[in-house]
Amino acid sequence: MASARAKRQDAAETVEELLATAERLFAERGVENVALTAIVAEAGQKNRSALHYHFGSRAGVLGAVMERRLAVINARRHALLEALGPGADPAEIVRADVAALGLTVLEAPWGADYISILAQVRFHPQLLGEGGPREDTLSGLRLARRLLRAAAPQIPPELLARRFTWLADAIVFELARWMRDTAPAARTRAGMDALIDDLTAFGTAGMLAPPPVKGDRK
């Protein structure tokens, strides 16, 4: 019994080390440039097939790397959105959505690596292969969309959904750029709050812009 528990613990530690190494290498070199054998070697594992055994492919490794971080961000997004209470206005909803990711990226030791990887995946979703994040790790985003639909009934739902996707891209890419271009010592809460405010103003204006009127184009 004790031996079985020890083996399970060793296996869990091995998987954690492999995922941490994969996360770092994906961020540093780009997902497409990292072979599974490089992850195994960097992690100091002797079993060259360890990653393939646990995850099957590079897309499987990438999915596992992202999923364990998404759970943290999803929980924070829920907390911020649910704290708004009924009748929240669009700017409050957008700010909660932006802040959930921005503050986590700033505060978590893995934040800079994660946002770099997320930007790659937003631009190249095929990196995840056939898979994708579990639905339960995206429930906070779904809540944000529902709240925005209720707060902005004048915007057609299909248009609002497209704008939400555009906003998500803008948030991810700008956070990734800010983390890349800002020295670690200069990554302050005040700086992130200012960026969140800018993205909130930008995103709210985009969400609430009047729908284009057919016939306006010439």
N, C-alpha and C. Protein backbone atom coordinates (compact mmCIF):
# COMPACT_ATOMS: atom_id res chain seq x y z
N MET A 1 0.82 -1.21 0.00
CA MET A 1 0.00 0.00 0.00
C MET A 1 0.86 1.26 0.00
N ALA A 2 1.81 1.33 0.94
CA ALA A 2 2.69 2.50 1.01
C ALA A 2 3.51 2.62 -0.25
N SER A 3 3.96 1.50 -0.77
CA SER A 3 4.76 1.51 -2.00
C SER A 3 3.94 2.03 -3.17
N ALA A 4 2.67 1.63 -3.25
CA ALA A 4 1.80 2.10 -4.33
C ALA A 4 1.58 3.61 -4.23
N ARG A 5 1.39 4.11 -2.99
CA ARG A 5 1.20 5.56 -2.81
C ARG A 5 2.46 6.31 -3.22
N ALA A 6 3.62 5.76 -2.86
CA ALA A 6 4.88 6.40 -3.21
C ALA A 6 5.05 6.47 -4.73
N LYS A 7 4.64 5.41 -5.41
CA LYS A 7 4.75 5.40 -6.87
C LYS A 7 3.82 6.44 -7.49
N ARG A 8 2.62 6.53 -6.93
CA ARG A 8 1.69 7.53 -7.45
C ARG A 8 2.21 8.94 -7.22
N GLN A 9 2.81 9.17 -6.05
CA GLN A 9 3.39 10.47 -5.74
C GLN A 9 4.53 10.79 -6.69
N ASP A 10 5.39 9.80 -6.93
CA ASP A 10 6.50 10.01 -7.86
C ASP A 10 5.99 10.34 -9.26
N ALA A 11 4.94 9.62 -9.69
CA ALA A 11 4.38 9.87 -11.01
C ALA A 11 3.81 11.28 -11.10
N ALA A 12 3.11 11.71 -10.04
CA ALA A 12 2.53 13.05 -10.04
C ALA A 12 3.62 14.12 -10.08
N GLU A 13 4.69 13.91 -9.36
CA GLU A 13 5.80 14.87 -9.35
C GLU A 13 6.48 14.91 -10.72
N THR A 14 6.59 13.74 -11.36
CA THR A 14 7.19 13.70 -12.68
C THR A 14 6.35 14.49 -13.68
N VAL A 15 5.05 14.29 -13.64
CA VAL A 15 4.15 15.00 -14.55
C VAL A 15 4.24 16.51 -14.30
N GLU A 16 4.25 16.93 -13.04
CA GLU A 16 4.34 18.35 -12.71
C GLU A 16 5.63 18.96 -13.25
N GLU A 17 6.74 18.24 -13.08
CA GLU A 17 8.03 18.74 -13.57
C GLU A 17 8.03 18.83 -15.09
N LEU A 18 7.45 17.85 -15.75
CA LEU A 18 7.38 17.87 -17.21
C LEU A 18 6.53 19.04 -17.70
N LEU A 19 5.38 19.27 -17.06
CA LEU A 19 4.51 20.36 -17.49
C LEU A 19 5.14 21.72 -17.22
N ALA A 20 5.81 21.87 -16.08
CA ALA A 20 6.48 23.14 -15.77
C ALA A 20 7.58 23.42 -16.80
N THR A 21 8.31 22.39 -17.16
CA THR A 21 9.38 22.55 -18.16
C THR A 21 8.79 22.87 -19.52
N ALA A 22 7.72 22.17 -19.89
CA ALA A 22 7.07 22.43 -21.17
C ALA A 22 6.56 23.87 -21.24
N GLU A 23 5.96 24.34 -20.17
CA GLU A 23 5.45 25.71 -20.12
C GLU A 23 6.57 26.72 -20.37
N ARG A 24 7.69 26.52 -19.70
CA ARG A 24 8.83 27.44 -19.86
C ARG A 24 9.37 27.40 -21.29
N LEU A 25 9.54 26.23 -21.83
CA LEU A 25 10.11 26.12 -23.18
C LEU A 25 9.13 26.62 -24.25
N PHE A 26 7.85 26.34 -24.09
CA PHE A 26 6.87 26.85 -25.05
C PHE A 26 6.89 28.38 -25.08
N ALA A 27 7.03 29.00 -23.92
CA ALA A 27 7.06 30.46 -23.85
C ALA A 27 8.36 31.01 -24.43
N GLU A 28 9.48 30.37 -24.11
CA GLU A 28 10.79 30.87 -24.54
C GLU A 28 11.04 30.66 -26.03
N ARG A 29 10.68 29.49 -26.55
CA ARG A 29 11.07 29.12 -27.91
C ARG A 29 9.92 29.12 -28.91
N GLY A 30 8.72 29.14 -28.42
CA GLY A 30 7.55 29.00 -29.29
C GLY A 30 7.10 27.55 -29.31
N VAL A 31 5.80 27.35 -29.22
CA VAL A 31 5.27 25.99 -29.11
C VAL A 31 5.73 25.11 -30.25
N GLU A 32 5.69 25.63 -31.47
CA GLU A 32 6.00 24.82 -32.64
C GLU A 32 7.47 24.44 -32.71
N ASN A 33 8.31 25.09 -31.93
CA ASN A 33 9.75 24.83 -32.00
C ASN A 33 10.26 23.91 -30.90
N VAL A 34 9.36 23.37 -30.10
CA VAL A 34 9.77 22.54 -28.96
C VAL A 34 9.34 21.10 -29.19
N ALA A 35 10.31 20.21 -29.26
CA ALA A 35 10.03 18.78 -29.40
C ALA A 35 9.81 18.15 -28.03
N LEU A 36 9.04 17.07 -28.00
CA LEU A 36 8.81 16.38 -26.74
C LEU A 36 10.11 15.91 -26.11
N THR A 37 11.05 15.47 -26.95
CA THR A 37 12.33 14.99 -26.43
C THR A 37 13.10 16.11 -25.73
N ALA A 38 12.94 17.36 -26.22
CA ALA A 38 13.61 18.50 -25.59
C ALA A 38 13.03 18.76 -24.20
N ILE A 39 11.72 18.62 -24.06
CA ILE A 39 11.08 18.81 -22.76
C ILE A 39 11.57 17.77 -21.77
N VAL A 40 11.59 16.52 -22.21
CA VAL A 40 12.04 15.43 -21.34
C VAL A 40 13.48 15.66 -20.89
N ALA A 41 14.34 16.05 -21.84
CA ALA A 41 15.75 16.27 -21.51
C ALA A 41 15.92 17.43 -20.54
N GLU A 42 15.21 18.54 -20.79
CA GLU A 42 15.33 19.72 -19.92
C GLU A 42 14.80 19.43 -18.52
N ALA A 43 13.82 18.54 -18.44
CA ALA A 43 13.24 18.20 -17.14
C ALA A 43 14.10 17.18 -16.39
N GLY A 44 15.15 16.69 -17.02
CA GLY A 44 16.04 15.74 -16.37
C GLY A 44 15.47 14.35 -16.22
N GLN A 45 14.51 14.02 -17.09
CA GLN A 45 13.90 12.69 -17.03
C GLN A 45 14.66 11.72 -17.94
N LYS A 46 14.89 10.52 -17.46
CA LYS A 46 15.61 9.52 -18.24
C LYS A 46 14.68 8.78 -19.21
N ASN A 47 13.41 8.71 -18.87
CA ASN A 47 12.45 8.00 -19.72
C ASN A 47 12.04 8.92 -20.87
N ARG A 48 12.57 8.69 -22.04
CA ARG A 48 12.34 9.58 -23.17
C ARG A 48 10.89 9.53 -23.67
N SER A 49 10.17 8.50 -23.30
CA SER A 49 8.78 8.39 -23.75
C SER A 49 7.79 8.85 -22.69
N ALA A 50 8.27 9.48 -21.62
CA ALA A 50 7.40 9.85 -20.50
C ALA A 50 6.26 10.77 -20.94
N LEU A 51 6.58 11.80 -21.70
CA LEU A 51 5.53 12.74 -22.12
C LEU A 51 4.54 12.07 -23.05
N HIS A 52 5.04 11.27 -23.97
CA HIS A 52 4.14 10.58 -24.90
C HIS A 52 3.21 9.65 -24.13
N TYR A 53 3.74 9.00 -23.11
CA TYR A 53 2.93 8.08 -22.30
C TYR A 53 1.80 8.83 -21.60
N HIS A 54 2.11 9.99 -21.03
CA HIS A 54 1.11 10.72 -20.25
C HIS A 54 0.16 11.55 -21.11
N PHE A 55 0.66 12.12 -22.22
CA PHE A 55 -0.14 13.10 -22.96
C PHE A 55 -0.32 12.79 -24.44
N GLY A 56 0.42 11.87 -24.98
CA GLY A 56 0.21 11.43 -26.35
C GLY A 56 0.89 12.23 -27.43
N SER A 57 0.91 13.55 -27.31
CA SER A 57 1.46 14.40 -28.37
C SER A 57 1.81 15.77 -27.80
N ARG A 58 2.45 16.60 -28.63
CA ARG A 58 2.76 17.96 -28.20
C ARG A 58 1.47 18.75 -27.95
N ALA A 59 0.44 18.51 -28.78
CA ALA A 59 -0.84 19.18 -28.55
C ALA A 59 -1.44 18.76 -27.21
N GLY A 60 -1.27 17.50 -26.85
CA GLY A 60 -1.76 17.04 -25.56
C GLY A 60 -1.03 17.68 -24.40
N VAL A 61 0.28 17.84 -24.55
CA VAL A 61 1.08 18.52 -23.52
C VAL A 61 0.64 19.97 -23.41
N LEU A 62 0.47 20.63 -24.54
CA LEU A 62 0.05 22.04 -24.54
C LEU A 62 -1.31 22.20 -23.87
N GLY A 63 -2.24 21.31 -24.18
CA GLY A 63 -3.56 21.37 -23.55
C GLY A 63 -3.48 21.23 -22.04
N ALA A 64 -2.63 20.30 -21.57
CA ALA A 64 -2.47 20.10 -20.13
C ALA A 64 -1.82 21.31 -19.47
N VAL A 65 -0.83 21.90 -20.14
CA VAL A 65 -0.17 23.10 -19.62
C VAL A 65 -1.18 24.23 -19.43
N MET A 66 -2.03 24.43 -20.43
CA MET A 66 -2.98 25.54 -20.37
C MET A 66 -4.11 25.26 -19.38
N GLU A 67 -4.56 24.02 -19.35
CA GLU A 67 -5.73 23.70 -18.54
C GLU A 67 -5.50 23.93 -17.05
N ARG A 68 -4.30 23.61 -16.58
CA ARG A 68 -4.07 23.76 -15.14
C ARG A 68 -4.02 25.24 -14.75
N ARG A 69 -3.67 26.12 -15.68
CA ARG A 69 -3.68 27.56 -15.40
C ARG A 69 -5.07 28.15 -15.59
N LEU A 70 -5.78 27.65 -16.59
CA LEU A 70 -7.12 28.16 -16.86
C LEU A 70 -8.03 28.02 -15.65
N ALA A 71 -7.87 26.95 -14.90
CA ALA A 71 -8.72 26.74 -13.74
C ALA A 71 -8.57 27.87 -12.73
N VAL A 72 -7.35 28.35 -12.54
CA VAL A 72 -7.09 29.45 -11.61
C VAL A 72 -7.74 30.74 -12.11
N ILE A 73 -7.54 31.04 -13.39
CA ILE A 73 -8.09 32.26 -13.97
C ILE A 73 -9.61 32.21 -13.99
N ASN A 74 -10.15 31.05 -14.30
CA ASN A 74 -11.60 30.90 -14.35
C ASN A 74 -12.24 31.18 -12.99
N ALA A 75 -11.62 30.67 -11.94
CA ALA A 75 -12.15 30.89 -10.59
C ALA A 75 -12.12 32.38 -10.25
N ARG A 76 -11.04 33.05 -10.63
CA ARG A 76 -10.94 34.49 -10.34
C ARG A 76 -11.96 35.28 -11.15
N ARG A 77 -12.17 34.89 -12.40
CA ARG A 77 -13.15 35.59 -13.22
C ARG A 77 -14.55 35.45 -12.62
N HIS A 78 -14.90 34.25 -12.19
CA HIS A 78 -16.19 34.05 -11.53
C HIS A 78 -16.32 34.95 -10.31
N ALA A 79 -15.29 34.99 -9.48
CA ALA A 79 -15.35 35.77 -8.25
C ALA A 79 -15.57 37.26 -8.56
N LEU A 80 -14.84 37.79 -9.53
CA LEU A 80 -14.96 39.21 -9.86
C LEU A 80 -16.32 39.53 -10.48
N LEU A 81 -16.81 38.66 -11.34
CA LEU A 81 -18.10 38.91 -11.98
C LEU A 81 -19.25 38.76 -11.00
N GLU A 82 -19.18 37.74 -10.17
CA GLU A 82 -20.27 37.52 -9.21
C GLU A 82 -20.31 38.60 -8.14
N ALA A 83 -19.18 39.25 -7.88
CA ALA A 83 -19.15 40.33 -6.89
C ALA A 83 -19.85 41.59 -7.40
N LEU A 84 -20.10 41.67 -8.70
CA LEU A 84 -20.73 42.87 -9.26
C LEU A 84 -22.19 42.99 -8.84
N GLY A 85 -22.83 41.87 -8.67
CA GLY A 85 -24.24 41.90 -8.30
C GLY A 85 -25.12 42.19 -9.50
N PRO A 86 -26.43 42.20 -9.29
CA PRO A 86 -27.37 42.44 -10.39
C PRO A 86 -27.27 43.87 -10.90
N GLY A 87 -27.56 44.02 -12.19
CA GLY A 87 -27.60 45.35 -12.77
C GLY A 87 -26.25 45.95 -13.09
N ALA A 88 -25.20 45.14 -13.15
CA ALA A 88 -23.86 45.67 -13.49
C ALA A 88 -23.89 46.26 -14.89
N ASP A 89 -23.15 47.36 -15.06
CA ASP A 89 -23.12 47.97 -16.39
C ASP A 89 -22.01 47.33 -17.22
N PRO A 90 -22.03 47.54 -18.54
CA PRO A 90 -21.06 46.88 -19.42
C PRO A 90 -19.60 47.15 -19.04
N ALA A 91 -19.29 48.38 -18.64
CA ALA A 91 -17.90 48.70 -18.29
C ALA A 91 -17.44 47.88 -17.09
N GLU A 92 -18.31 47.70 -16.10
CA GLU A 92 -17.95 46.89 -14.94
C GLU A 92 -17.70 45.43 -15.33
N ILE A 93 -18.52 44.93 -16.23
CA ILE A 93 -18.38 43.54 -16.67
C ILE A 93 -17.10 43.36 -17.46
N VAL A 94 -16.83 44.28 -18.37
CA VAL A 94 -15.60 44.19 -19.16
C VAL A 94 -14.39 44.30 -18.25
N ARG A 95 -14.43 45.21 -17.28
CA ARG A 95 -13.27 45.36 -16.39
C ARG A 95 -13.02 44.10 -15.58
N ALA A 96 -14.06 43.46 -15.09
CA ALA A 96 -13.88 42.23 -14.34
C ALA A 96 -13.26 41.15 -15.22
N ASP A 97 -13.71 41.09 -16.45
CA ASP A 97 -13.17 40.10 -17.39
C ASP A 97 -11.69 40.34 -17.66
N VAL A 98 -11.33 41.59 -17.91
CA VAL A 98 -9.93 41.93 -18.17
C VAL A 98 -9.08 41.70 -16.93
N ALA A 99 -9.57 42.15 -15.78
CA ALA A 99 -8.79 42.08 -14.55
C ALA A 99 -8.51 40.64 -14.14
N ALA A 100 -9.44 39.73 -14.39
CA ALA A 100 -9.23 38.34 -14.00
C ALA A 100 -7.96 37.79 -14.63
N LEU A 101 -7.77 38.09 -15.89
CA LEU A 101 -6.57 37.61 -16.58
C LEU A 101 -5.37 38.49 -16.25
N GLY A 102 -5.54 39.81 -16.33
CA GLY A 102 -4.41 40.72 -16.12
C GLY A 102 -3.77 40.59 -14.76
N LEU A 103 -4.57 40.55 -13.71
CA LEU A 103 -4.01 40.47 -12.36
C LEU A 103 -3.37 39.11 -12.10
N THR A 104 -3.96 38.05 -12.64
CA THR A 104 -3.35 36.73 -12.48
C THR A 104 -2.01 36.66 -13.19
N VAL A 105 -1.97 37.19 -14.41
CA VAL A 105 -0.72 37.20 -15.17
C VAL A 105 0.37 37.98 -14.42
N LEU A 106 -0.03 39.10 -13.80
CA LEU A 106 0.94 39.91 -13.06
C LEU A 106 1.43 39.21 -11.80
N GLU A 107 0.53 38.58 -11.07
CA GLU A 107 0.86 38.07 -9.73
C GLU A 107 1.42 36.66 -9.72
N ALA A 108 0.98 35.82 -10.63
CA ALA A 108 1.40 34.41 -10.60
C ALA A 108 2.83 34.27 -11.12
N PRO A 109 3.64 33.43 -10.51
CA PRO A 109 5.01 33.24 -11.00
C PRO A 109 5.05 32.69 -12.42
N TRP A 110 4.00 32.03 -12.84
CA TRP A 110 3.92 31.47 -14.19
C TRP A 110 3.21 32.41 -15.17
N GLY A 111 2.81 33.59 -14.71
CA GLY A 111 1.98 34.47 -15.53
C GLY A 111 2.59 34.88 -16.86
N ALA A 112 3.86 35.27 -16.85
CA ALA A 112 4.49 35.73 -18.09
C ALA A 112 4.57 34.61 -19.12
N ASP A 113 4.92 33.40 -18.67
CA ASP A 113 4.99 32.27 -19.59
C ASP A 113 3.60 31.92 -20.12
N TYR A 114 2.63 31.91 -19.22
CA TYR A 114 1.28 31.51 -19.63
C TYR A 114 0.71 32.46 -20.68
N ILE A 115 0.84 33.78 -20.48
CA ILE A 115 0.22 34.71 -21.42
C ILE A 115 0.93 34.65 -22.77
N SER A 116 2.24 34.36 -22.77
CA SER A 116 2.95 34.17 -24.04
C SER A 116 2.38 32.98 -24.80
N ILE A 117 2.14 31.89 -24.08
CA ILE A 117 1.58 30.69 -24.71
C ILE A 117 0.15 30.94 -25.17
N LEU A 118 -0.64 31.60 -24.34
CA LEU A 118 -2.03 31.87 -24.70
C LEU A 118 -2.11 32.72 -25.97
N ALA A 119 -1.22 33.69 -26.11
CA ALA A 119 -1.20 34.51 -27.33
C ALA A 119 -0.89 33.66 -28.56
N GLN A 120 0.02 32.72 -28.41
CA GLN A 120 0.33 31.82 -29.52
C GLN A 120 -0.89 30.99 -29.91
N VAL A 121 -1.60 30.50 -28.91
CA VAL A 121 -2.77 29.66 -29.18
C VAL A 121 -3.92 30.47 -29.76
N ARG A 122 -4.11 31.71 -29.30
CA ARG A 122 -5.16 32.54 -29.88
C ARG A 122 -4.89 32.79 -31.36
N PHE A 123 -3.62 32.95 -31.72
CA PHE A 123 -3.28 33.23 -33.12
C PHE A 123 -3.23 31.95 -33.95
N HIS A 124 -2.84 30.85 -33.31
CA HIS A 124 -2.75 29.56 -34.01
C HIS A 124 -3.52 28.50 -33.23
N PRO A 125 -4.85 28.52 -33.25
CA PRO A 125 -5.62 27.55 -32.46
C PRO A 125 -5.36 26.11 -32.85
N GLN A 126 -4.84 25.89 -34.06
CA GLN A 126 -4.55 24.52 -34.48
C GLN A 126 -3.44 23.88 -33.65
N LEU A 127 -2.72 24.67 -32.87
CA LEU A 127 -1.69 24.11 -32.00
C LEU A 127 -2.27 23.12 -30.99
N LEU A 128 -3.54 23.30 -30.65
CA LEU A 128 -4.19 22.41 -29.69
C LEU A 128 -4.73 21.14 -30.34
N GLY A 129 -4.57 21.03 -31.66
CA GLY A 129 -5.03 19.83 -32.34
C GLY A 129 -6.54 19.68 -32.26
N GLU A 130 -6.98 18.45 -32.07
CA GLU A 130 -8.41 18.18 -32.02
C GLU A 130 -9.03 18.58 -30.68
N GLY A 131 -8.19 18.71 -29.67
CA GLY A 131 -8.70 18.98 -28.33
C GLY A 131 -8.90 20.46 -28.07
N GLY A 132 -9.12 20.78 -26.84
CA GLY A 132 -9.33 22.15 -26.41
C GLY A 132 -9.57 22.17 -24.92
N PRO A 133 -9.73 23.36 -24.35
CA PRO A 133 -9.95 23.45 -22.90
C PRO A 133 -11.25 22.76 -22.49
N ARG A 134 -11.27 22.21 -21.29
CA ARG A 134 -12.50 21.64 -20.75
C ARG A 134 -13.54 22.75 -20.59
N GLU A 135 -14.78 22.41 -20.80
CA GLU A 135 -15.86 23.40 -20.70
C GLU A 135 -15.90 24.06 -19.32
N ASP A 136 -15.60 23.30 -18.27
CA ASP A 136 -15.71 23.87 -16.93
C ASP A 136 -14.64 24.93 -16.67
N THR A 137 -13.56 24.95 -17.46
CA THR A 137 -12.54 25.98 -17.27
C THR A 137 -12.89 27.26 -18.03
N LEU A 138 -13.97 27.23 -18.81
CA LEU A 138 -14.40 28.39 -19.59
C LEU A 138 -15.70 28.99 -19.07
N SER A 139 -16.19 28.49 -17.94
CA SER A 139 -17.49 28.94 -17.44
C SER A 139 -17.50 30.42 -17.08
N GLY A 140 -16.35 30.97 -16.66
CA GLY A 140 -16.29 32.39 -16.35
C GLY A 140 -16.47 33.25 -17.58
N LEU A 141 -15.89 32.84 -18.70
CA LEU A 141 -16.08 33.57 -19.96
C LEU A 141 -17.53 33.50 -20.40
N ARG A 142 -18.14 32.35 -20.22
CA ARG A 142 -19.54 32.21 -20.60
C ARG A 142 -20.43 33.13 -19.73
N LEU A 143 -20.08 33.23 -18.46
CA LEU A 143 -20.82 34.13 -17.57
C LEU A 143 -20.66 35.57 -18.01
N ALA A 144 -19.45 35.98 -18.37
CA ALA A 144 -19.22 37.35 -18.83
C ALA A 144 -20.06 37.65 -20.06
N ARG A 145 -20.14 36.71 -20.99
CA ARG A 145 -20.94 36.92 -22.20
C ARG A 145 -22.42 37.06 -21.86
N ARG A 146 -22.91 36.22 -20.93
CA ARG A 146 -24.32 36.31 -20.55
C ARG A 146 -24.63 37.66 -19.90
N LEU A 147 -23.74 38.10 -19.04
CA LEU A 147 -23.95 39.38 -18.37
C LEU A 147 -23.93 40.54 -19.37
N LEU A 148 -23.03 40.46 -20.34
CA LEU A 148 -22.97 41.52 -21.35
C LEU A 148 -24.23 41.54 -22.22
N ARG A 149 -24.73 40.37 -22.55
CA ARG A 149 -25.98 40.33 -23.34
C ARG A 149 -27.12 41.01 -22.58
N ALA A 150 -27.16 40.76 -21.27
CA ALA A 150 -28.22 41.38 -20.46
C ALA A 150 -28.01 42.88 -20.31
N ALA A 151 -26.75 43.31 -20.25
CA ALA A 151 -26.44 44.73 -20.03
C ALA A 151 -26.48 45.55 -21.31
N ALA A 152 -26.41 44.89 -22.46
CA ALA A 152 -26.40 45.61 -23.74
C ALA A 152 -27.40 44.99 -24.70
N PRO A 153 -28.69 45.01 -24.36
CA PRO A 153 -29.69 44.36 -25.21
C PRO A 153 -29.85 45.02 -26.57
N GLN A 154 -29.35 46.24 -26.72
CA GLN A 154 -29.48 46.94 -27.99
C GLN A 154 -28.54 46.41 -29.06
N ILE A 155 -27.55 45.62 -28.66
CA ILE A 155 -26.59 45.05 -29.62
C ILE A 155 -27.06 43.64 -29.98
N PRO A 156 -27.22 43.35 -31.26
CA PRO A 156 -27.65 41.99 -31.65
C PRO A 156 -26.72 40.93 -31.07
N PRO A 157 -27.28 39.84 -30.54
CA PRO A 157 -26.44 38.82 -29.88
C PRO A 157 -25.31 38.28 -30.75
N GLU A 158 -25.55 38.08 -32.04
CA GLU A 158 -24.49 37.55 -32.91
C GLU A 158 -23.34 38.55 -33.02
N LEU A 159 -23.68 39.83 -33.13
CA LEU A 159 -22.64 40.87 -33.22
C LEU A 159 -21.89 40.97 -31.90
N LEU A 160 -22.62 40.91 -30.79
CA LEU A 160 -21.98 40.99 -29.48
C LEU A 160 -21.01 39.81 -29.29
N ALA A 161 -21.39 38.64 -29.75
CA ALA A 161 -20.52 37.46 -29.63
C ALA A 161 -19.24 37.65 -30.43
N ARG A 162 -19.35 38.20 -31.64
CA ARG A 162 -18.15 38.45 -32.45
C ARG A 162 -17.25 39.47 -31.77
N ARG A 163 -17.87 40.52 -31.24
CA ARG A 163 -17.08 41.57 -30.58
C ARG A 163 -16.41 41.02 -29.32
N PHE A 164 -17.06 40.11 -28.63
CA PHE A 164 -16.46 39.51 -27.44
C PHE A 164 -15.20 38.73 -27.83
N THR A 165 -15.25 38.03 -28.96
CA THR A 165 -14.06 37.31 -29.44
C THR A 165 -12.96 38.28 -29.81
N TRP A 166 -13.31 39.37 -30.48
CA TRP A 166 -12.30 40.38 -30.82
C TRP A 166 -11.68 40.98 -29.57
N LEU A 167 -12.53 41.25 -28.58
CA LEU A 167 -12.02 41.81 -27.33
C LEU A 167 -11.08 40.83 -26.63
N ALA A 168 -11.46 39.55 -26.61
CA ALA A 168 -10.60 38.54 -25.99
C ALA A 168 -9.23 38.51 -26.65
N ASP A 169 -9.21 38.59 -27.98
CA ASP A 169 -7.93 38.63 -28.69
C ASP A 169 -7.13 39.86 -28.29
N ALA A 170 -7.77 41.01 -28.27
CA ALA A 170 -7.08 42.25 -27.92
C ALA A 170 -6.50 42.19 -26.51
N ILE A 171 -7.27 41.66 -25.58
CA ILE A 171 -6.80 41.55 -24.19
C ILE A 171 -5.56 40.67 -24.11
N VAL A 172 -5.65 39.49 -24.71
CA VAL A 172 -4.54 38.54 -24.64
C VAL A 172 -3.29 39.10 -25.30
N PHE A 173 -3.43 39.63 -26.51
CA PHE A 173 -2.25 40.12 -27.23
C PHE A 173 -1.62 41.32 -26.53
N GLU A 174 -2.44 42.22 -25.98
CA GLU A 174 -1.86 43.39 -25.32
C GLU A 174 -1.21 43.01 -23.99
N LEU A 175 -1.81 42.09 -23.25
CA LEU A 175 -1.17 41.63 -22.01
C LEU A 175 0.14 40.93 -22.31
N ALA A 176 0.16 40.12 -23.36
CA ALA A 176 1.40 39.44 -23.74
C ALA A 176 2.47 40.44 -24.14
N ARG A 177 2.08 41.48 -24.89
CA ARG A 177 3.04 42.51 -25.29
C ARG A 177 3.57 43.27 -24.09
N TRP A 178 2.67 43.61 -23.16
CA TRP A 178 3.07 44.36 -21.96
C TRP A 178 4.04 43.55 -21.11
N MET A 179 3.76 42.28 -20.92
CA MET A 179 4.65 41.44 -20.12
C MET A 179 5.99 41.24 -20.83
N ARG A 180 5.97 41.15 -22.14
CA ARG A 180 7.22 40.98 -22.90
C ARG A 180 8.07 42.24 -22.86
N ASP A 181 7.44 43.40 -22.99
CA ASP A 181 8.18 44.64 -23.15
C ASP A 181 8.47 45.37 -21.84
N THR A 182 7.88 44.92 -20.75
CA THR A 182 8.06 45.58 -19.45
C THR A 182 9.04 44.78 -18.61
N ALA A 183 10.09 45.41 -18.15
CA ALA A 183 11.07 44.73 -17.31
C ALA A 183 10.38 44.20 -16.05
N PRO A 184 10.80 43.05 -15.55
CA PRO A 184 10.16 42.47 -14.37
C PRO A 184 10.02 43.45 -13.21
N ALA A 185 11.05 44.25 -12.97
CA ALA A 185 10.99 45.20 -11.85
C ALA A 185 9.96 46.30 -12.07
N ALA A 186 9.60 46.53 -13.32
CA ALA A 186 8.64 47.59 -13.64
C ALA A 186 7.21 47.07 -13.78
N ARG A 187 7.02 45.78 -13.60
CA ARG A 187 5.67 45.20 -13.68
C ARG A 187 4.94 45.40 -12.35
N THR A 188 4.42 46.58 -12.18
CA THR A 188 3.80 46.95 -10.91
C THR A 188 2.29 46.82 -10.98
N ARG A 189 1.67 46.77 -9.83
CA ARG A 189 0.21 46.73 -9.77
C ARG A 189 -0.37 48.01 -10.38
N ALA A 190 0.27 49.15 -10.11
CA ALA A 190 -0.23 50.41 -10.68
C ALA A 190 -0.18 50.37 -12.20
N GLY A 191 0.91 49.83 -12.74
CA GLY A 191 1.03 49.73 -14.19
C GLY A 191 -0.02 48.82 -14.78
N MET A 192 -0.25 47.69 -14.13
CA MET A 192 -1.27 46.77 -14.63
C MET A 192 -2.66 47.37 -14.49
N ASP A 193 -2.93 48.06 -13.39
CA ASP A 193 -4.24 48.69 -13.23
C ASP A 193 -4.50 49.71 -14.33
N ALA A 194 -3.46 50.46 -14.70
CA ALA A 194 -3.61 51.45 -15.78
C ALA A 194 -3.92 50.75 -17.10
N LEU A 195 -3.24 49.63 -17.35
CA LEU A 195 -3.50 48.88 -18.58
C LEU A 195 -4.91 48.31 -18.57
N ILE A 196 -5.34 47.79 -17.44
CA ILE A 196 -6.70 47.25 -17.33
C ILE A 196 -7.73 48.34 -17.59
N ASP A 197 -7.48 49.54 -17.06
CA ASP A 197 -8.40 50.66 -17.29
C ASP A 197 -8.46 50.99 -18.79
N ASP A 198 -7.31 51.03 -19.45
CA ASP A 198 -7.29 51.35 -20.89
C ASP A 198 -8.02 50.28 -21.70
N LEU A 199 -7.75 49.02 -21.39
CA LEU A 199 -8.41 47.94 -22.12
C LEU A 199 -9.92 47.92 -21.84
N THR A 200 -10.30 48.29 -20.63
CA THR A 200 -11.73 48.36 -20.29
C THR A 200 -12.42 49.44 -21.12
N ALA A 201 -11.81 50.62 -21.19
CA ALA A 201 -12.41 51.72 -21.98
C ALA A 201 -12.49 51.34 -23.45
N PHE A 202 -11.41 50.77 -23.96
CA PHE A 202 -11.36 50.35 -25.36
C PHE A 202 -12.41 49.27 -25.63
N GLY A 203 -12.45 48.26 -24.77
CA GLY A 203 -13.36 47.15 -24.98
C GLY A 203 -14.81 47.53 -24.84
N THR A 204 -15.13 48.38 -23.86
CA THR A 204 -16.51 48.79 -23.66
C THR A 204 -17.01 49.60 -24.85
N ALA A 205 -16.16 50.50 -25.34
CA ALA A 205 -16.55 51.31 -26.50
C ALA A 205 -16.80 50.42 -27.71
N GLY A 206 -15.95 49.43 -27.90
CA GLY A 206 -16.14 48.52 -29.03
C GLY A 206 -17.40 47.68 -28.90
N MET A 207 -17.66 47.20 -27.71
CA MET A 207 -18.85 46.38 -27.48
C MET A 207 -20.14 47.17 -27.74
N LEU A 208 -20.14 48.42 -27.34
CA LEU A 208 -21.38 49.21 -27.37
C LEU A 208 -21.52 50.08 -28.61
N ALA A 209 -20.55 50.04 -29.52
CA ALA A 209 -20.67 50.84 -30.75
C ALA A 209 -21.95 50.45 -31.49
N PRO A 210 -22.68 51.43 -32.01
CA PRO A 210 -23.92 51.11 -32.72
C PRO A 210 -23.65 50.14 -33.88
N PRO A 211 -24.54 49.20 -34.09
CA PRO A 211 -24.35 48.28 -35.22
C PRO A 211 -24.30 49.05 -36.53
N PRO A 212 -23.44 48.61 -37.45
CA PRO A 212 -23.40 49.30 -38.74
C PRO A 212 -24.75 49.21 -39.46
N VAL A 213 -25.12 50.27 -40.12
CA VAL A 213 -26.40 50.31 -40.83
C VAL A 213 -26.17 49.89 -42.27
N LYS A 214 -26.94 48.92 -42.71
CA LYS A 214 -26.81 48.47 -44.10
C LYS A 214 -27.10 49.61 -45.05
N GLY A 215 -26.28 49.74 -46.07
CA GLY A 215 -26.44 50.80 -47.03
C GLY A 215 -25.54 51.98 -46.80
N ASP A 216 -24.85 51.97 -45.61
CA ASP A 216 -23.92 53.07 -45.32
C ASP A 216 -22.67 52.96 -46.16
N ARG A 217 -22.29 51.72 -46.51
CA ARG A 217 -21.07 51.54 -47.30
C ARG A 217 -21.32 51.93 -48.74
N LYS A 218 -20.33 52.53 -49.36
CA LYS A 218 -20.46 52.95 -50.76
C LYS A 218 -19.36 52.27 -51.57
